[in-house]
């Protein structure tokens, strides 16, 4: 049976045929296959190298996702377990399948293609509540003590991870965050793989990856199930927004996960004031500026919340919750400070 790296090499030998099959909404442009995203949407954000030393390598400029064609098959088909990915690749390559397992018929069914939202929902259904888990402990190490209050955060005890360089596959415990659209439907997830010994993130090159539809959506905290959202806050990183939520419980908040996605965040109905929790770097400032312009065009007042250090989680860890509270109070409208900050 071929290894993961060998399967990826076999796919790369005929990268264009792989793209035409799994990314049929795209087209060839020179030495690249261009398409919207791994969900096979029309567009030009994702590009795949078709030949040369990087044949089969792909990058989505909008989401920063990247990988080889084995990863691409996994994403486009909505597969989670490596066994299912390998079976799908062998089917495409018309390779013989390995001998059936004696563990029963559960692993012998043909893989089922799933849209982006469904594969994210499938992974989220495999998770367990956060309280008392390694993911809860990880957030506490980051100064976030009430992460288990948020339904968007869950724990996966053994989440599939593939090393994009070696092709080797592993399983690590992971913090899973649900990405939702304005109606609350799950469109994607963010996976943060964790060190099994409790020492922060897993010791891998990229311990955080997104899966599914992120554009315009976000990980949401304190959002009401129905009705208008007159005041909300939006920012990039999960821990940064959770740090603001830690000292401002009750204000609806959204983590868009990247600066580009922050700029594209779909603002909630009825919003009158938008607080933009910007990271203190060039990408963060650019994303905040773009979202601010969009808010103004919709008649929404944008107010930027600036951290003292690099981001709000760094502020929480190094400066403490009391100082973060004071720093945020000075940047809020008086009525919001009274409503959402402890006295």
Foldseek 3Di string as FASTA:
>chain_A
DDAQVVLLVVCLVQVVVLCCVLQVLWDDDVQWTAAQDLLNHHDGQKIAGNDDPRRQWMARNLFRDIFGVLVSQCQNQLHFDSLLSVQVSCVVVVHDDDDDDPPDCPSVDHRGRDGQLVSQVVVVVQWAQDPPDLVQLLLVVLVQNPPSVFPQKTKHQWGWDAARPPRDIGTAIWIKGFKAALQRRGFKIKTQGPPPVSPHGHPGDDRIDITGDLAQIFRKDLDDNDDFQAEEEEEADPSQQSLVCSQFPNHIYTHSNFLSSLLRHNDTPNYAEYEYFFFPDPSRVVSLVSNCVVCVVVNHHYFYQYDPDGGNSCCCVPVNSVVSLVSVCVRDDVVSNVVGGDD
